[in-house]
Amino acid sequence: MEMNQSSYGYHLHIGTASIMLVILTLCLTCFSVLCAVGARADDKRSRVLQLRMDSYYRAVNEGEAFLEKTNHDLEVCRQEGTDRASYFKAVQRKFGARRITRKIPISEVQYLYIVLEALDPEPSSSVEQEKLFSVLTYKVVTDDSHVRYEKGLHLLRPDENK
């Protein structure tokens, strides 16, 4: 008995290779498109994160400048006031109170909140070595009270339910 089959036992049709090539091309195309979309989304997310970080560090730098200016202003008040009462009177004139607060905006819903308190002057120390204030609060506060949140999905209007 003569056989026309090859000795391998299994034969692929010519169209099978073409179909496999088309499927492989489609898979590679889908993979490349998904990679491009993912990279674009990652780029957008990293840009948003960069803007947030820049805003935060800008606020921190402004806060440090505020601390430095407050220290300088308290040194001036210390030089004006010869005793404790006159010192706090000068502080009252300059800042309005012994407790000094500042809100530095970071974003629409966040700000850097700084609360300082002017300390009692130490009579024996010089103004350069003296600690003039203490930092009571230095934190980022999120205030989303003016943000309007959606309460749910409104797929149908109430008048369309009838």
N, C-alpha and C. Protein backbone atom coordinates (compact mmCIF):
# COMPACT_ATOMS: atom_id res chain seq x y z
N MET A 1 0.81 -1.18 0.00
CA MET A 1 0.00 0.00 0.00
C MET A 1 0.86 1.26 0.00
N GLU A 2 0.60 2.04 -0.99
CA GLU A 2 1.35 3.28 -1.12
C GLU A 2 0.59 4.44 -0.51
N MET A 3 1.32 5.30 0.19
CA MET A 3 0.67 6.45 0.84
C MET A 3 1.20 7.74 0.23
N ASN A 4 0.27 8.65 0.01
CA ASN A 4 0.64 9.95 -0.52
C ASN A 4 0.90 10.96 0.59
N GLN A 5 0.83 10.53 1.79
CA GLN A 5 1.06 11.44 2.92
C GLN A 5 2.55 11.48 3.23
N SER A 6 2.94 12.56 3.81
CA SER A 6 4.34 12.67 4.20
C SER A 6 4.59 11.80 5.42
N SER A 7 5.81 11.59 5.68
CA SER A 7 6.16 10.72 6.79
C SER A 7 5.97 11.40 8.15
N TYR A 8 5.70 12.67 8.14
CA TYR A 8 5.51 13.38 9.41
C TYR A 8 4.13 13.15 10.00
N GLY A 9 3.20 12.84 9.26
CA GLY A 9 1.88 12.50 9.75
C GLY A 9 0.90 13.65 9.80
N TYR A 10 1.34 14.89 9.80
CA TYR A 10 0.41 16.01 9.89
C TYR A 10 0.84 17.06 8.89
N HIS A 11 -0.10 17.52 8.10
CA HIS A 11 0.18 18.51 7.07
C HIS A 11 -0.60 19.78 7.35
N LEU A 12 0.05 20.94 7.26
CA LEU A 12 -0.65 22.22 7.38
C LEU A 12 -1.05 22.69 6.00
N HIS A 13 -2.20 23.26 5.93
CA HIS A 13 -2.63 23.84 4.67
C HIS A 13 -1.92 25.16 4.45
N ILE A 14 -1.85 25.59 3.24
CA ILE A 14 -1.17 26.84 2.90
C ILE A 14 -1.86 28.04 3.55
N GLY A 15 -3.15 28.03 3.67
CA GLY A 15 -3.91 29.14 4.26
C GLY A 15 -3.71 29.27 5.76
N THR A 16 -3.31 28.20 6.42
CA THR A 16 -3.11 28.24 7.87
C THR A 16 -1.99 29.20 8.25
N ALA A 17 -0.92 29.19 7.52
CA ALA A 17 0.20 30.10 7.81
C ALA A 17 -0.23 31.55 7.62
N SER A 18 -1.03 31.82 6.61
CA SER A 18 -1.52 33.19 6.39
C SER A 18 -2.41 33.64 7.53
N ILE A 19 -3.29 32.75 7.98
CA ILE A 19 -4.18 33.09 9.10
C ILE A 19 -3.37 33.34 10.36
N MET A 20 -2.37 32.50 10.62
CA MET A 20 -1.52 32.70 11.80
C MET A 20 -0.77 34.03 11.72
N LEU A 21 -0.32 34.40 10.53
CA LEU A 21 0.38 35.66 10.35
C LEU A 21 -0.55 36.84 10.59
N VAL A 22 -1.79 36.76 10.13
CA VAL A 22 -2.77 37.82 10.36
C VAL A 22 -3.07 37.95 11.85
N ILE A 23 -3.26 36.82 12.54
CA ILE A 23 -3.54 36.85 13.98
C ILE A 23 -2.35 37.43 14.74
N LEU A 24 -1.14 37.03 14.38
CA LEU A 24 0.05 37.56 15.02
C LEU A 24 0.17 39.07 14.80
N THR A 25 -0.10 39.53 13.59
CA THR A 25 -0.06 40.97 13.30
C THR A 25 -1.09 41.73 14.12
N LEU A 26 -2.31 41.19 14.22
CA LEU A 26 -3.35 41.84 15.03
C LEU A 26 -2.95 41.90 16.50
N CYS A 27 -2.40 40.82 17.01
CA CYS A 27 -1.97 40.80 18.42
C CYS A 27 -0.88 41.83 18.68
N LEU A 28 0.11 41.89 17.80
CA LEU A 28 1.20 42.86 17.99
C LEU A 28 0.69 44.29 17.86
N THR A 29 -0.24 44.53 16.94
CA THR A 29 -0.81 45.86 16.78
C THR A 29 -1.58 46.27 18.03
N CYS A 30 -2.41 45.36 18.55
CA CYS A 30 -3.16 45.66 19.78
C CYS A 30 -2.22 45.92 20.95
N PHE A 31 -1.19 45.11 21.07
CA PHE A 31 -0.22 45.29 22.15
C PHE A 31 0.47 46.64 22.04
N SER A 32 0.88 47.03 20.84
CA SER A 32 1.57 48.31 20.68
C SER A 32 0.64 49.49 20.96
N VAL A 33 -0.62 49.38 20.54
CA VAL A 33 -1.58 50.45 20.83
C VAL A 33 -1.82 50.56 22.33
N LEU A 34 -1.98 49.43 23.01
CA LEU A 34 -2.17 49.46 24.46
C LEU A 34 -0.95 50.04 25.17
N CYS A 35 0.24 49.71 24.71
CA CYS A 35 1.46 50.28 25.29
C CYS A 35 1.50 51.79 25.10
N ALA A 36 1.15 52.26 23.91
CA ALA A 36 1.15 53.70 23.64
C ALA A 36 0.12 54.42 24.50
N VAL A 37 -1.07 53.85 24.65
CA VAL A 37 -2.11 54.47 25.48
C VAL A 37 -1.68 54.50 26.93
N GLY A 38 -1.09 53.42 27.42
CA GLY A 38 -0.61 53.37 28.80
C GLY A 38 0.50 54.37 29.05
N ALA A 39 1.43 54.49 28.10
CA ALA A 39 2.52 55.45 28.25
C ALA A 39 2.00 56.88 28.27
N ARG A 40 1.01 57.14 27.44
CA ARG A 40 0.42 58.49 27.41
C ARG A 40 -0.29 58.80 28.73
N ALA A 41 -1.02 57.83 29.27
CA ALA A 41 -1.70 58.03 30.55
C ALA A 41 -0.68 58.23 31.67
N ASP A 42 0.40 57.46 31.66
CA ASP A 42 1.45 57.63 32.67
C ASP A 42 2.10 59.00 32.56
N ASP A 43 2.32 59.47 31.34
CA ASP A 43 2.90 60.79 31.14
C ASP A 43 1.98 61.88 31.69
N LYS A 44 0.69 61.76 31.41
CA LYS A 44 -0.27 62.75 31.91
C LYS A 44 -0.31 62.73 33.44
N ARG A 45 -0.32 61.54 34.01
CA ARG A 45 -0.36 61.41 35.47
C ARG A 45 0.91 61.99 36.10
N SER A 46 2.06 61.75 35.49
CA SER A 46 3.30 62.28 36.05
C SER A 46 3.37 63.80 35.92
N ARG A 47 2.78 64.37 34.87
CA ARG A 47 2.74 65.83 34.76
C ARG A 47 1.85 66.45 35.85
N VAL A 48 0.71 65.82 36.12
CA VAL A 48 -0.17 66.31 37.18
C VAL A 48 0.53 66.21 38.53
N LEU A 49 1.21 65.10 38.77
CA LEU A 49 1.95 64.93 40.02
C LEU A 49 3.06 65.96 40.13
N GLN A 50 3.74 66.25 39.04
CA GLN A 50 4.80 67.26 39.05
C GLN A 50 4.25 68.64 39.39
N LEU A 51 3.09 68.98 38.83
CA LEU A 51 2.47 70.27 39.15
C LEU A 51 2.09 70.34 40.63
N ARG A 52 1.57 69.25 41.17
CA ARG A 52 1.21 69.23 42.59
C ARG A 52 2.44 69.38 43.47
N MET A 53 3.51 68.67 43.10
CA MET A 53 4.74 68.78 43.89
C MET A 53 5.32 70.18 43.81
N ASP A 54 5.31 70.77 42.62
CA ASP A 54 5.80 72.14 42.47
C ASP A 54 5.00 73.11 43.33
N SER A 55 3.68 72.95 43.33
CA SER A 55 2.82 73.82 44.14
C SER A 55 3.12 73.65 45.62
N TYR A 56 3.31 72.40 46.05
CA TYR A 56 3.61 72.15 47.46
C TYR A 56 4.94 72.79 47.86
N TYR A 57 5.98 72.56 47.08
CA TYR A 57 7.29 73.11 47.44
C TYR A 57 7.33 74.63 47.30
N ARG A 58 6.53 75.18 46.40
CA ARG A 58 6.42 76.64 46.31
C ARG A 58 5.81 77.18 47.60
N ALA A 59 4.77 76.51 48.11
CA ALA A 59 4.14 76.92 49.36
C ALA A 59 5.10 76.75 50.54
N VAL A 60 5.87 75.67 50.56
CA VAL A 60 6.84 75.46 51.64
C VAL A 60 7.90 76.55 51.61
N ASN A 61 8.39 76.91 50.43
CA ASN A 61 9.37 77.99 50.32
C ASN A 61 8.79 79.31 50.79
N GLU A 62 7.54 79.57 50.43
CA GLU A 62 6.88 80.79 50.90
C GLU A 62 6.70 80.75 52.42
N GLY A 63 6.42 79.58 52.96
CA GLY A 63 6.30 79.43 54.41
C GLY A 63 7.62 79.69 55.12
N GLU A 64 8.71 79.19 54.55
CA GLU A 64 10.03 79.45 55.13
C GLU A 64 10.37 80.94 55.07
N ALA A 65 10.01 81.59 53.97
CA ALA A 65 10.23 83.04 53.87
C ALA A 65 9.39 83.78 54.91
N PHE A 66 8.17 83.30 55.14
CA PHE A 66 7.31 83.90 56.17
C PHE A 66 7.93 83.75 57.56
N LEU A 67 8.49 82.58 57.85
CA LEU A 67 9.15 82.37 59.14
C LEU A 67 10.34 83.30 59.30
N GLU A 68 11.11 83.45 58.24
CA GLU A 68 12.28 84.33 58.29
C GLU A 68 11.86 85.79 58.48
N LYS A 69 10.84 86.23 57.76
CA LYS A 69 10.36 87.61 57.91
C LYS A 69 9.77 87.84 59.29
N THR A 70 9.03 86.86 59.80
CA THR A 70 8.46 86.99 61.14
C THR A 70 9.56 87.09 62.18
N ASN A 71 10.61 86.28 62.03
CA ASN A 71 11.73 86.35 62.96
C ASN A 71 12.38 87.73 62.92
N HIS A 72 12.57 88.26 61.71
CA HIS A 72 13.15 89.60 61.57
C HIS A 72 12.25 90.66 62.22
N ASP A 73 10.94 90.57 61.96
CA ASP A 73 10.00 91.54 62.54
C ASP A 73 9.97 91.45 64.06
N LEU A 74 10.07 90.24 64.59
CA LEU A 74 10.10 90.08 66.05
C LEU A 74 11.40 90.61 66.64
N GLU A 75 12.50 90.49 65.89
CA GLU A 75 13.76 91.09 66.35
C GLU A 75 13.62 92.61 66.43
N VAL A 76 12.96 93.20 65.44
CA VAL A 76 12.72 94.66 65.47
C VAL A 76 11.85 95.02 66.66
N CYS A 77 10.80 94.25 66.91
CA CYS A 77 9.94 94.50 68.07
C CYS A 77 10.72 94.35 69.37
N ARG A 78 11.64 93.38 69.40
CA ARG A 78 12.46 93.16 70.60
C ARG A 78 13.38 94.34 70.85
N GLN A 79 13.91 94.92 69.78
CA GLN A 79 14.79 96.07 69.94
C GLN A 79 14.00 97.31 70.34
N GLU A 80 12.74 97.41 69.88
CA GLU A 80 11.89 98.55 70.26
C GLU A 80 11.47 98.45 71.72
N GLY A 81 11.11 97.26 72.15
CA GLY A 81 10.60 97.07 73.51
C GLY A 81 11.73 96.85 74.49
N THR A 82 11.79 97.68 75.51
CA THR A 82 12.85 97.54 76.51
C THR A 82 12.49 96.52 77.58
N ASP A 83 11.21 96.33 77.82
CA ASP A 83 10.77 95.33 78.78
C ASP A 83 9.71 94.44 78.14
N ARG A 84 9.19 93.49 78.91
CA ARG A 84 8.23 92.51 78.40
C ARG A 84 6.96 93.18 77.88
N ALA A 85 6.41 94.13 78.64
CA ALA A 85 5.16 94.79 78.26
C ALA A 85 5.32 95.59 76.97
N SER A 86 6.41 96.34 76.85
CA SER A 86 6.61 97.13 75.64
C SER A 86 6.89 96.23 74.43
N TYR A 87 7.55 95.10 74.67
CA TYR A 87 7.80 94.14 73.59
C TYR A 87 6.48 93.59 73.05
N PHE A 88 5.60 93.16 73.94
CA PHE A 88 4.32 92.60 73.47
C PHE A 88 3.40 93.68 72.90
N LYS A 89 3.58 94.91 73.34
CA LYS A 89 2.82 96.01 72.74
C LYS A 89 3.29 96.22 71.29
N ALA A 90 4.60 96.13 71.06
CA ALA A 90 5.13 96.25 69.70
C ALA A 90 4.69 95.07 68.84
N VAL A 91 4.65 93.87 69.43
CA VAL A 91 4.17 92.68 68.71
C VAL A 91 2.70 92.86 68.35
N GLN A 92 1.92 93.38 69.28
CA GLN A 92 0.49 93.62 69.05
C GLN A 92 0.29 94.62 67.90
N ARG A 93 1.09 95.67 67.88
CA ARG A 93 0.99 96.67 66.80
C ARG A 93 1.36 96.05 65.45
N LYS A 94 2.40 95.24 65.44
CA LYS A 94 2.90 94.69 64.18
C LYS A 94 2.01 93.57 63.63
N PHE A 95 1.60 92.64 64.50
CA PHE A 95 0.90 91.44 64.05
C PHE A 95 -0.57 91.38 64.44
N GLY A 96 -0.99 92.23 65.36
CA GLY A 96 -2.39 92.23 65.78
C GLY A 96 -2.67 91.31 66.95
N ALA A 97 -1.78 90.36 67.22
CA ALA A 97 -1.96 89.43 68.33
C ALA A 97 -0.62 88.75 68.61
N ARG A 98 -0.57 88.07 69.73
CA ARG A 98 0.64 87.33 70.08
C ARG A 98 0.77 86.06 69.24
N ARG A 99 -0.37 85.53 68.83
CA ARG A 99 -0.40 84.34 67.97
C ARG A 99 -0.50 84.80 66.52
N ILE A 100 0.43 84.35 65.71
CA ILE A 100 0.54 84.79 64.32
C ILE A 100 0.17 83.61 63.42
N THR A 101 -0.80 83.80 62.52
CA THR A 101 -1.23 82.72 61.63
C THR A 101 -1.06 83.13 60.18
N ARG A 102 -0.88 82.11 59.34
CA ARG A 102 -0.74 82.36 57.90
C ARG A 102 -1.24 81.15 57.15
N LYS A 103 -2.04 81.39 56.11
CA LYS A 103 -2.51 80.35 55.21
C LYS A 103 -1.90 80.61 53.84
N ILE A 104 -1.13 79.66 53.36
CA ILE A 104 -0.48 79.79 52.06
C ILE A 104 -1.12 78.78 51.11
N PRO A 105 -1.77 79.25 50.05
CA PRO A 105 -2.48 78.31 49.15
C PRO A 105 -1.51 77.39 48.39
N ILE A 106 -1.93 76.14 48.29
CA ILE A 106 -1.20 75.15 47.50
C ILE A 106 -1.99 74.84 46.24
N SER A 107 -3.27 74.56 46.42
CA SER A 107 -4.17 74.28 45.29
C SER A 107 -5.53 74.86 45.65
N GLU A 108 -6.53 74.50 44.87
CA GLU A 108 -7.88 75.00 45.14
C GLU A 108 -8.43 74.47 46.45
N VAL A 109 -8.00 73.31 46.87
CA VAL A 109 -8.55 72.70 48.08
C VAL A 109 -7.53 72.51 49.20
N GLN A 110 -6.27 72.87 48.99
CA GLN A 110 -5.25 72.68 50.01
C GLN A 110 -4.50 73.97 50.27
N TYR A 111 -4.08 74.11 51.53
CA TYR A 111 -3.22 75.23 51.90
C TYR A 111 -2.28 74.81 53.02
N LEU A 112 -1.17 75.52 53.11
CA LEU A 112 -0.21 75.31 54.19
C LEU A 112 -0.61 76.24 55.32
N TYR A 113 -0.88 75.67 56.48
CA TYR A 113 -1.37 76.43 57.63
C TYR A 113 -0.25 76.53 58.66
N ILE A 114 0.14 77.76 58.97
CA ILE A 114 1.23 78.00 59.92
C ILE A 114 0.70 78.84 61.06
N VAL A 115 0.95 78.39 62.29
CA VAL A 115 0.58 79.14 63.48
C VAL A 115 1.83 79.29 64.33
N LEU A 116 2.17 80.54 64.63
CA LEU A 116 3.34 80.86 65.46
C LEU A 116 2.87 81.58 66.71
N GLU A 117 3.65 81.47 67.76
CA GLU A 117 3.35 82.22 68.98
C GLU A 117 4.62 82.94 69.42
N ALA A 118 4.49 84.25 69.63
CA ALA A 118 5.62 85.04 70.10
C ALA A 118 5.93 84.64 71.54
N LEU A 119 7.20 84.35 71.80
CA LEU A 119 7.61 83.91 73.13
C LEU A 119 8.00 85.11 73.99
N ASP A 120 8.01 84.87 75.30
CA ASP A 120 8.48 85.90 76.22
C ASP A 120 9.95 86.19 75.96
N PRO A 121 10.33 87.45 75.99
CA PRO A 121 11.75 87.78 75.77
C PRO A 121 12.59 87.33 76.96
N GLU A 122 13.78 86.85 76.66
CA GLU A 122 14.71 86.46 77.72
C GLU A 122 15.65 87.63 77.96
N PRO A 123 15.63 88.19 79.16
CA PRO A 123 16.40 89.41 79.40
C PRO A 123 17.92 89.21 79.32
N SER A 124 18.41 88.03 79.61
CA SER A 124 19.86 87.84 79.65
C SER A 124 20.48 87.53 78.29
N SER A 125 19.69 87.12 77.32
CA SER A 125 20.26 86.72 76.03
C SER A 125 20.21 87.87 75.02
N SER A 126 21.06 87.77 74.03
CA SER A 126 21.05 88.78 72.97
C SER A 126 19.95 88.43 71.98
N VAL A 127 19.57 89.41 71.18
CA VAL A 127 18.48 89.22 70.22
C VAL A 127 18.85 88.17 69.17
N GLU A 128 20.12 88.10 68.77
CA GLU A 128 20.54 87.15 67.73
C GLU A 128 20.44 85.70 68.21
N GLN A 129 20.66 85.45 69.51
CA GLN A 129 20.66 84.09 70.03
C GLN A 129 19.30 83.67 70.58
N GLU A 130 18.43 84.61 70.75
CA GLU A 130 17.15 84.35 71.41
C GLU A 130 16.15 83.69 70.46
N LYS A 131 15.41 82.75 71.01
CA LYS A 131 14.31 82.14 70.26
C LYS A 131 13.10 83.04 70.46
N LEU A 132 12.62 83.65 69.37
CA LEU A 132 11.58 84.67 69.48
C LEU A 132 10.17 84.13 69.31
N PHE A 133 10.03 82.97 68.67
CA PHE A 133 8.69 82.40 68.49
C PHE A 133 8.77 80.89 68.50
N SER A 134 7.62 80.27 68.75
CA SER A 134 7.54 78.81 68.63
C SER A 134 6.51 78.50 67.55
N VAL A 135 6.76 77.44 66.83
CA VAL A 135 5.86 77.00 65.77
C VAL A 135 4.84 76.05 66.40
N LEU A 136 3.59 76.49 66.46
CA LEU A 136 2.53 75.65 67.03
C LEU A 136 1.96 74.70 65.98
N THR A 137 1.79 75.20 64.76
CA THR A 137 1.23 74.38 63.68
C THR A 137 1.95 74.69 62.38
N TYR A 138 2.30 73.63 61.67
CA TYR A 138 2.90 73.75 60.34
C TYR A 138 2.45 72.52 59.57
N LYS A 139 1.30 72.63 58.89
CA LYS A 139 0.74 71.44 58.24
C LYS A 139 -0.05 71.82 57.00
N VAL A 140 -0.27 70.82 56.17
CA VAL A 140 -1.10 70.97 54.98
C VAL A 140 -2.53 70.63 55.37
N VAL A 141 -3.45 71.54 55.06
CA VAL A 141 -4.86 71.35 55.38
C VAL A 141 -5.64 71.23 54.08
N THR A 142 -6.54 70.26 54.02
CA THR A 142 -7.42 70.09 52.87
C THR A 142 -8.79 70.60 53.24
N ASP A 143 -9.27 71.58 52.48
CA ASP A 143 -10.59 72.17 52.72
C ASP A 143 -11.41 71.98 51.46
N ASP A 144 -12.22 70.95 51.44
CA ASP A 144 -13.04 70.68 50.26
C ASP A 144 -14.49 71.08 50.48
N SER A 145 -14.72 72.05 51.35
CA SER A 145 -16.10 72.45 51.66
C SER A 145 -16.77 73.15 50.47
N HIS A 146 -15.99 73.79 49.61
CA HIS A 146 -16.60 74.48 48.47
C HIS A 146 -16.61 73.63 47.20
N VAL A 147 -16.16 72.38 47.29
CA VAL A 147 -16.18 71.48 46.15
C VAL A 147 -17.53 70.76 46.13
N ARG A 148 -18.17 70.76 44.97
CA ARG A 148 -19.48 70.10 44.84
C ARG A 148 -19.27 68.70 44.28
N TYR A 149 -19.69 67.71 45.03
CA TYR A 149 -19.56 66.33 44.61
C TYR A 149 -20.87 65.85 44.01
N GLU A 150 -20.76 64.98 43.01
CA GLU A 150 -21.95 64.35 42.44
C GLU A 150 -22.46 63.31 43.43
N LYS A 151 -23.75 63.29 43.64
CA LYS A 151 -24.34 62.35 44.60
C LYS A 151 -24.60 60.98 43.99
N GLY A 152 -24.67 60.88 42.70
CA GLY A 152 -24.92 59.59 42.07
C GLY A 152 -24.96 59.73 40.57
N LEU A 153 -25.21 58.65 39.91
CA LEU A 153 -25.31 58.66 38.46
C LEU A 153 -26.73 59.02 38.05
N HIS A 154 -26.86 60.01 37.19
CA HIS A 154 -28.16 60.42 36.70
C HIS A 154 -28.29 59.95 35.25
N LEU A 155 -28.63 58.69 35.11
CA LEU A 155 -28.74 58.13 33.77
C LEU A 155 -30.05 58.52 33.10
N LEU A 156 -31.10 58.63 33.88
CA LEU A 156 -32.40 59.04 33.36
C LEU A 156 -32.87 60.28 34.12
N ARG A 157 -33.44 61.20 33.41
CA ARG A 157 -34.03 62.36 34.08
C ARG A 157 -35.33 61.94 34.74
N PRO A 158 -35.73 62.61 35.82
CA PRO A 158 -36.96 62.20 36.52
C PRO A 158 -38.19 62.20 35.61
N ASP A 159 -38.28 63.14 34.65
CA ASP A 159 -39.46 63.19 33.79
C ASP A 159 -39.45 62.08 32.73
N GLU A 160 -38.31 61.43 32.51
CA GLU A 160 -38.22 60.35 31.53
C GLU A 160 -38.58 58.99 32.12
N ASN A 161 -38.77 58.92 33.43
CA ASN A 161 -39.08 57.64 34.07
C ASN A 161 -40.51 57.19 33.82
N LYS A 162 -41.37 58.05 33.32
CA LYS A 162 -42.79 57.70 33.14
C LYS A 162 -43.03 56.96 31.87
